[in-house]
N, C-alpha and C. Protein backbone atom coordinates (compact mmCIF):
# COMPACT_ATOMS: atom_id res chain seq x y z
N MET A 1 82.31 71.79 66.56
CA MET A 1 83.42 72.38 67.27
C MET A 1 83.79 73.74 66.69
N LYS A 2 83.82 73.81 65.35
CA LYS A 2 84.13 75.10 64.71
C LYS A 2 83.09 76.14 65.07
N ARG A 3 81.84 75.69 65.12
CA ARG A 3 80.75 76.62 65.45
C ARG A 3 80.92 77.15 66.88
N ILE A 4 81.33 76.31 67.80
CA ILE A 4 81.53 76.72 69.20
C ILE A 4 82.67 77.73 69.28
N ILE A 5 83.75 77.45 68.58
CA ILE A 5 84.89 78.37 68.58
C ILE A 5 84.49 79.70 67.96
N PHE A 6 83.78 79.65 66.84
CA PHE A 6 83.32 80.86 66.17
C PHE A 6 82.43 81.69 67.09
N THR A 7 81.48 81.04 67.75
CA THR A 7 80.57 81.72 68.68
C THR A 7 81.35 82.35 69.83
N PHE A 8 82.32 81.63 70.34
CA PHE A 8 83.14 82.10 71.44
C PHE A 8 83.91 83.36 71.03
N ILE A 9 84.52 83.33 69.85
CA ILE A 9 85.30 84.48 69.35
C ILE A 9 84.37 85.66 69.10
N MET A 10 83.22 85.44 68.50
CA MET A 10 82.28 86.52 68.23
C MET A 10 81.76 87.15 69.53
N GLY A 11 81.54 86.30 70.53
CA GLY A 11 81.08 86.81 71.82
C GLY A 11 82.09 87.74 72.45
N PHE A 12 83.36 87.34 72.44
CA PHE A 12 84.40 88.19 72.99
C PHE A 12 84.54 89.48 72.20
N SER A 13 84.42 89.40 70.88
CA SER A 13 84.50 90.59 70.04
C SER A 13 83.37 91.56 70.38
N PHE A 14 82.16 91.03 70.53
CA PHE A 14 81.01 91.87 70.85
C PHE A 14 81.19 92.55 72.20
N PHE A 15 81.58 91.78 73.21
CA PHE A 15 81.76 92.36 74.54
C PHE A 15 82.96 93.30 74.58
N GLY A 16 83.93 93.06 73.75
CA GLY A 16 85.06 93.97 73.64
C GLY A 16 84.62 95.32 73.12
N LEU A 17 83.72 95.32 72.14
CA LEU A 17 83.20 96.57 71.61
C LEU A 17 82.38 97.32 72.65
N LEU A 18 81.62 96.59 73.44
CA LEU A 18 80.82 97.23 74.49
C LEU A 18 81.70 97.91 75.52
N GLY A 19 82.85 97.33 75.79
CA GLY A 19 83.73 97.86 76.83
C GLY A 19 84.70 98.92 76.34
N GLN A 20 84.64 99.26 75.05
CA GLN A 20 85.57 100.25 74.54
C GLN A 20 85.32 101.60 75.18
N THR A 21 86.40 102.28 75.50
CA THR A 21 86.29 103.63 76.00
C THR A 21 87.06 104.55 75.07
N HIS A 22 86.63 105.76 75.02
CA HIS A 22 87.34 106.75 74.21
C HIS A 22 88.49 107.24 75.07
N LYS A 23 89.67 107.16 74.52
CA LYS A 23 90.86 107.44 75.32
C LYS A 23 91.49 108.77 74.97
N PHE A 24 92.20 109.29 75.94
CA PHE A 24 93.04 110.46 75.76
C PHE A 24 94.40 110.09 76.33
N LYS A 25 95.40 110.88 76.02
CA LYS A 25 96.75 110.58 76.47
C LYS A 25 97.16 111.59 77.54
N THR A 26 97.57 111.08 78.70
CA THR A 26 98.10 111.93 79.76
C THR A 26 99.62 111.97 79.61
N VAL A 27 100.17 113.18 79.62
CA VAL A 27 101.61 113.35 79.38
C VAL A 27 102.26 114.19 80.47
N ASP A 28 103.60 114.14 80.50
CA ASP A 28 104.35 114.95 81.44
C ASP A 28 104.59 116.35 80.85
N VAL A 29 105.25 117.19 81.62
CA VAL A 29 105.47 118.59 81.21
C VAL A 29 106.28 118.67 79.92
N ALA A 30 107.32 117.86 79.78
CA ALA A 30 108.17 117.93 78.59
C ALA A 30 107.38 117.61 77.32
N GLU A 31 106.57 116.56 77.36
CA GLU A 31 105.79 116.20 76.18
C GLU A 31 104.70 117.24 75.91
N PHE A 32 104.12 117.78 76.98
CA PHE A 32 103.10 118.81 76.80
C PHE A 32 103.73 120.07 76.19
N ALA A 33 104.93 120.42 76.63
CA ALA A 33 105.63 121.60 76.09
C ALA A 33 105.87 121.42 74.59
N ASN A 34 106.22 120.22 74.17
CA ASN A 34 106.40 119.96 72.73
C ASN A 34 105.09 120.13 71.98
N ALA A 35 103.99 119.67 72.56
CA ALA A 35 102.69 119.80 71.92
C ALA A 35 102.28 121.27 71.80
N VAL A 36 102.52 122.03 72.86
CA VAL A 36 102.17 123.46 72.87
C VAL A 36 102.98 124.20 71.80
N ALA A 37 104.22 123.79 71.60
CA ALA A 37 105.07 124.42 70.59
C ALA A 37 104.62 124.07 69.18
N ASP A 38 103.90 122.96 69.02
CA ASP A 38 103.40 122.51 67.73
C ASP A 38 102.10 123.26 67.43
N THR A 39 102.12 124.07 66.40
CA THR A 39 100.97 124.92 66.11
C THR A 39 99.74 124.15 65.63
N SER A 40 99.87 122.84 65.43
CA SER A 40 98.68 122.09 65.02
C SER A 40 97.75 121.81 66.19
N TYR A 41 98.23 121.98 67.43
CA TYR A 41 97.41 121.74 68.63
C TYR A 41 96.62 122.98 69.01
N VAL A 42 95.40 122.78 69.47
CA VAL A 42 94.63 123.83 70.12
C VAL A 42 94.89 123.64 71.61
N VAL A 43 95.37 124.69 72.28
CA VAL A 43 95.71 124.59 73.70
C VAL A 43 94.54 125.15 74.51
N LEU A 44 94.03 124.31 75.42
CA LEU A 44 92.83 124.64 76.18
C LEU A 44 93.11 124.60 77.67
N ASP A 45 92.79 125.69 78.35
CA ASP A 45 92.87 125.79 79.82
C ASP A 45 91.46 125.55 80.33
N VAL A 46 91.27 124.52 81.16
CA VAL A 46 89.93 124.19 81.65
C VAL A 46 89.72 124.66 83.09
N ARG A 47 90.57 125.57 83.57
CA ARG A 47 90.40 126.14 84.91
C ARG A 47 89.38 127.28 84.87
N THR A 48 89.12 127.85 86.03
CA THR A 48 88.20 128.98 86.10
C THR A 48 88.83 130.20 85.44
N PRO A 49 88.02 131.17 85.01
CA PRO A 49 88.57 132.40 84.44
C PRO A 49 89.51 133.13 85.42
N ALA A 50 89.20 133.09 86.72
CA ALA A 50 90.07 133.74 87.70
C ALA A 50 91.43 133.06 87.75
N GLU A 51 91.46 131.73 87.75
CA GLU A 51 92.73 131.00 87.73
C GLU A 51 93.51 131.31 86.47
N HIS A 52 92.81 131.35 85.35
CA HIS A 52 93.46 131.62 84.06
C HIS A 52 94.11 133.01 84.06
N SER A 53 93.40 134.00 84.59
CA SER A 53 93.92 135.37 84.58
C SER A 53 95.14 135.55 85.48
N GLU A 54 95.29 134.68 86.47
CA GLU A 54 96.46 134.75 87.36
C GLU A 54 97.71 134.20 86.70
N GLY A 55 97.57 133.44 85.65
CA GLY A 55 98.70 132.90 84.91
C GLY A 55 98.28 131.68 84.13
N HIS A 56 98.81 131.54 82.92
CA HIS A 56 98.49 130.40 82.08
C HIS A 56 99.68 130.05 81.20
N ILE A 57 99.61 128.90 80.58
CA ILE A 57 100.67 128.43 79.70
C ILE A 57 100.67 129.26 78.43
N PRO A 58 101.84 129.77 78.03
CA PRO A 58 101.90 130.55 76.79
C PRO A 58 101.37 129.74 75.60
N GLY A 59 100.63 130.41 74.74
CA GLY A 59 100.07 129.75 73.58
C GLY A 59 98.68 129.20 73.81
N THR A 60 98.15 129.40 75.02
CA THR A 60 96.79 128.92 75.31
C THR A 60 95.81 129.67 74.42
N HIS A 61 95.00 128.93 73.69
CA HIS A 61 94.03 129.52 72.78
C HIS A 61 92.70 129.84 73.44
N LEU A 62 92.26 128.94 74.33
CA LEU A 62 90.93 129.08 74.93
C LEU A 62 90.96 128.76 76.42
N ASN A 63 90.05 129.38 77.14
CA ASN A 63 89.82 129.07 78.55
C ASN A 63 88.34 128.75 78.68
N ILE A 64 88.03 127.46 78.92
CA ILE A 64 86.65 127.02 79.10
C ILE A 64 86.61 126.23 80.40
N ASP A 65 85.95 126.77 81.39
CA ASP A 65 85.88 126.17 82.73
C ASP A 65 85.11 124.85 82.70
N VAL A 66 85.80 123.75 83.00
CA VAL A 66 85.17 122.43 82.97
C VAL A 66 84.11 122.28 84.07
N LEU A 67 84.17 123.10 85.11
CA LEU A 67 83.18 123.04 86.19
C LEU A 67 81.89 123.76 85.84
N ASP A 68 81.92 124.54 84.77
CA ASP A 68 80.72 125.25 84.33
C ASP A 68 79.77 124.24 83.68
N ASP A 69 78.49 124.35 83.98
CA ASP A 69 77.49 123.43 83.43
C ASP A 69 77.47 123.41 81.90
N SER A 70 77.90 124.50 81.27
CA SER A 70 77.86 124.57 79.80
C SER A 70 79.18 124.15 79.15
N TYR A 71 80.11 123.58 79.94
CA TYR A 71 81.42 123.21 79.40
C TYR A 71 81.31 122.39 78.12
N THR A 72 80.56 121.32 78.15
CA THR A 72 80.50 120.42 77.00
C THR A 72 79.99 121.15 75.77
N GLU A 73 78.90 121.86 75.91
CA GLU A 73 78.32 122.59 74.77
C GLU A 73 79.29 123.63 74.23
N VAL A 74 79.88 124.42 75.12
CA VAL A 74 80.80 125.47 74.70
C VAL A 74 82.04 124.87 74.03
N ALA A 75 82.61 123.84 74.65
CA ALA A 75 83.82 123.22 74.10
C ALA A 75 83.56 122.61 72.73
N LEU A 76 82.45 121.89 72.59
CA LEU A 76 82.15 121.25 71.31
C LEU A 76 81.90 122.26 70.20
N ASN A 77 81.38 123.43 70.56
CA ASN A 77 81.15 124.48 69.57
C ASN A 77 82.41 125.29 69.27
N ALA A 78 83.32 125.39 70.23
CA ALA A 78 84.50 126.24 70.07
C ALA A 78 85.71 125.51 69.48
N LEU A 79 85.80 124.20 69.70
CA LEU A 79 86.99 123.46 69.28
C LEU A 79 86.81 122.79 67.92
N PRO A 80 87.78 122.98 67.03
CA PRO A 80 87.71 122.30 65.74
C PRO A 80 88.01 120.81 65.92
N LYS A 81 87.27 119.96 65.24
CA LYS A 81 87.48 118.51 65.36
C LYS A 81 88.70 118.04 64.58
N ASP A 82 89.16 118.85 63.64
CA ASP A 82 90.27 118.42 62.80
C ASP A 82 91.65 118.75 63.40
N LYS A 83 91.67 119.28 64.62
CA LYS A 83 92.93 119.58 65.29
C LYS A 83 92.97 118.88 66.64
N PRO A 84 94.14 118.37 67.02
CA PRO A 84 94.24 117.78 68.35
C PRO A 84 94.19 118.87 69.42
N VAL A 85 93.72 118.49 70.61
CA VAL A 85 93.58 119.42 71.72
C VAL A 85 94.55 119.04 72.82
N ALA A 86 95.32 120.03 73.30
CA ALA A 86 96.20 119.85 74.45
C ALA A 86 95.57 120.66 75.58
N LEU A 87 95.18 119.99 76.67
CA LEU A 87 94.48 120.73 77.72
C LEU A 87 95.10 120.49 79.10
N TYR A 88 94.80 121.44 79.99
CA TYR A 88 95.34 121.39 81.35
C TYR A 88 94.41 122.10 82.32
N CYS A 89 94.57 121.76 83.59
CA CYS A 89 93.88 122.45 84.68
C CYS A 89 94.95 122.83 85.71
N ARG A 90 94.57 123.00 86.95
CA ARG A 90 95.52 123.41 87.97
C ARG A 90 96.45 122.27 88.37
N SER A 91 95.88 121.10 88.68
CA SER A 91 96.72 120.01 89.22
C SER A 91 96.61 118.70 88.43
N GLY A 92 95.75 118.65 87.44
CA GLY A 92 95.59 117.43 86.66
C GLY A 92 94.35 116.64 87.00
N ASN A 93 93.54 117.10 87.93
CA ASN A 93 92.31 116.39 88.28
C ASN A 93 91.15 116.75 87.36
N ARG A 94 90.83 118.02 87.27
CA ARG A 94 89.70 118.45 86.43
C ARG A 94 89.96 118.18 84.96
N SER A 95 91.22 118.27 84.55
CA SER A 95 91.53 118.09 83.13
C SER A 95 91.25 116.68 82.66
N LYS A 96 91.34 115.71 83.53
CA LYS A 96 91.03 114.33 83.13
C LYS A 96 89.55 114.20 82.76
N ASN A 97 88.68 114.84 83.50
CA ASN A 97 87.26 114.84 83.18
C ASN A 97 87.01 115.58 81.87
N ALA A 98 87.65 116.73 81.71
CA ALA A 98 87.50 117.51 80.48
C ALA A 98 88.00 116.71 79.27
N ALA A 99 89.13 116.03 79.44
CA ALA A 99 89.71 115.23 78.35
C ALA A 99 88.79 114.07 77.99
N ARG A 100 88.22 113.43 78.99
CA ARG A 100 87.30 112.31 78.75
C ARG A 100 86.10 112.77 77.94
N ILE A 101 85.53 113.90 78.30
CA ILE A 101 84.37 114.44 77.59
C ILE A 101 84.71 114.69 76.12
N LEU A 102 85.86 115.31 75.88
CA LEU A 102 86.24 115.60 74.49
C LEU A 102 86.54 114.32 73.72
N ALA A 103 87.26 113.39 74.35
CA ALA A 103 87.58 112.13 73.68
C ALA A 103 86.31 111.37 73.32
N GLU A 104 85.32 111.37 74.21
CA GLU A 104 84.05 110.70 73.93
C GLU A 104 83.32 111.34 72.75
N ASN A 105 83.67 112.58 72.45
CA ASN A 105 83.03 113.28 71.34
C ASN A 105 83.93 113.34 70.10
N GLY A 106 84.92 112.47 70.06
CA GLY A 106 85.72 112.30 68.85
C GLY A 106 86.96 113.14 68.71
N TYR A 107 87.36 113.84 69.75
CA TYR A 107 88.56 114.65 69.69
C TYR A 107 89.79 113.83 70.06
N GLN A 108 90.92 114.19 69.46
CA GLN A 108 92.21 113.63 69.86
C GLN A 108 92.72 114.55 70.96
N VAL A 109 92.97 114.00 72.16
CA VAL A 109 93.27 114.83 73.33
C VAL A 109 94.55 114.41 74.02
N LEU A 110 95.33 115.43 74.38
CA LEU A 110 96.54 115.29 75.18
C LEU A 110 96.28 116.06 76.47
N GLU A 111 96.51 115.44 77.61
CA GLU A 111 96.20 116.05 78.90
C GLU A 111 97.47 116.15 79.75
N LEU A 112 97.73 117.33 80.31
CA LEU A 112 98.90 117.54 81.17
C LEU A 112 98.61 116.95 82.54
N GLY A 113 99.25 115.83 82.83
CA GLY A 113 98.96 115.06 84.04
C GLY A 113 99.21 115.80 85.34
N THR A 114 100.21 116.68 85.37
CA THR A 114 100.54 117.41 86.60
C THR A 114 99.92 118.80 86.63
N GLY A 115 99.21 119.16 85.58
CA GLY A 115 98.53 120.44 85.53
C GLY A 115 99.46 121.64 85.50
N PHE A 116 98.83 122.80 85.67
CA PHE A 116 99.57 124.07 85.64
C PHE A 116 100.62 124.11 86.76
N ARG A 117 100.30 123.53 87.90
CA ARG A 117 101.27 123.49 89.01
C ARG A 117 102.54 122.76 88.60
N GLY A 118 102.39 121.65 87.89
CA GLY A 118 103.55 120.91 87.41
C GLY A 118 104.35 121.71 86.40
N TRP A 119 103.65 122.46 85.56
CA TRP A 119 104.29 123.32 84.56
C TRP A 119 105.16 124.36 85.27
N VAL A 120 104.60 125.01 86.28
CA VAL A 120 105.32 126.04 87.03
C VAL A 120 106.50 125.41 87.79
N ALA A 121 106.27 124.27 88.43
CA ALA A 121 107.34 123.59 89.18
C ALA A 121 108.50 123.19 88.28
N ALA A 122 108.21 122.94 87.01
CA ALA A 122 109.27 122.57 86.05
C ALA A 122 110.02 123.79 85.53
N GLY A 123 109.62 124.98 85.99
CA GLY A 123 110.32 126.21 85.58
C GLY A 123 109.94 126.72 84.20
N LYS A 124 108.80 126.28 83.70
CA LYS A 124 108.36 126.72 82.37
C LYS A 124 107.77 128.13 82.44
N LYS A 125 107.81 128.82 81.31
CA LYS A 125 107.29 130.18 81.24
C LYS A 125 105.78 130.22 81.46
N VAL A 126 105.32 131.34 82.02
CA VAL A 126 103.92 131.56 82.30
C VAL A 126 103.54 132.94 81.78
N GLU A 127 102.34 133.04 81.22
CA GLU A 127 101.80 134.33 80.79
C GLU A 127 100.74 134.76 81.79
N THR A 128 100.60 136.07 81.99
CA THR A 128 99.54 136.61 82.83
C THR A 128 98.74 137.63 82.01
N GLU A 129 97.52 137.87 82.46
CA GLU A 129 96.68 138.86 81.78
C GLU A 129 97.28 140.23 82.01
N LYS A 130 97.26 141.03 80.96
CA LYS A 130 97.74 142.42 81.07
C LYS A 130 96.63 143.28 81.64
N LYS A 131 96.97 144.11 82.60
CA LYS A 131 95.97 144.96 83.23
C LYS A 131 96.09 146.38 82.80
């Protein structure tokens, strides 16, 4: 009986490990604003360069387009692993994919669920490229 229980527990443990996913945290504008204000975060805009130049969240360190085929390679080479990453896109769709990729590669990731649009709708400050 003990052997059956032990086997049962070990089986669930093994399948639990197989089903593990690397997670990231999706947050609202207020929590994202706190993260951006914390200098320990690297702030990443995963929109296109054109979208970024039209306006971005102040304190954004990098703009790496998640739709670009080289996103993973560029992001893994550009982002330090010892700092958490706070990232966003336009509406929160593309950023979930970008966050998943980084989380799968060992990064601690915070993702703005409503994206840049949510940031703007909340009345938060925006920076634009100087021409």
